[in-house]
Amino acid sequence: MTFKRYAIYFAPPAAADWTKFATSWLGWDIESGAEVAHPVIDGIDVAAVSEVPRKYGLHGTMKPPFRLRTSQSLSALQSACATLAASRAPVAMEGLEIARLGRFLALRPLGHAEQLNALAAACVHELDDFRAATSEAELARRRAANLTRDQEANLIQWGYPYVLASFRFHITLSGRLDKPTLVKVQSALDTHLGPLLPTPFEITDLALMGEAEDGRFHLIHRYALSG
């Protein structure tokens, strides 16, 4: 399969019950590269609620999607991912919670995030030689969000505004929702997903992802954090 962009994600363990439910919620399985049926929940149009994040699959971004620099290769990127993962230890936090981020819903980690943030920063820094320069169109699109000075600096240097000090780890579960829908969907997730969420929440590997021509993301390989 040919990929137009790559990314480094946390991809939840496929066998976990919470992963199975949340993958079904989004309707796209990054492990198998196939659509999956949404859960049936009275009063919730799950397909509509999860349409925006669906193509990315269930994930937490560590290094945002990027085009591969022409002087680099996928095999070199894979080797660099393996080296990075071998130098970093797994991360453990207290758990996950269903949270509102503005007008969308996501899973957020509980507890101190220093180690998690350091891991994400390492992904941004140590793999950046593989990232092609950001296009003018992409710069303009990002700047439409009224970036802060630090976010603008991140955009110029790293190709994405919300990295390093502006990074907030999250696993997106919905697009932007109006307030009544937001309340209803959060209640449904609290009921169906909340009891399945892990305690502790652990990140034991990094996932190299590829974006296919149709915009859907696929798992290429997992790299165990063994440092």
Foldseek 3Di string as FASTA:
>chain_A
DDFFKKFKWQQPDCPAPLLVLLQLLLQADQAVRHGHHHDDDPPDPSCQFNVPCNQAGWTWGLADIAGFDPVDDPVVLVVLQQVLLQVFAKDKAFWWDWDDDPQFIWIATDDDCPSVLVSSQCVQPSRQVGGDAADPVLLVVQCVVVADPQLNVCCRPRVGRQHRVNPGIITTRGDGDDPVNSVVVSVVCCVPNVVRIDGIDMRFWMFMWGQDPVRHIHTDDIHGRND
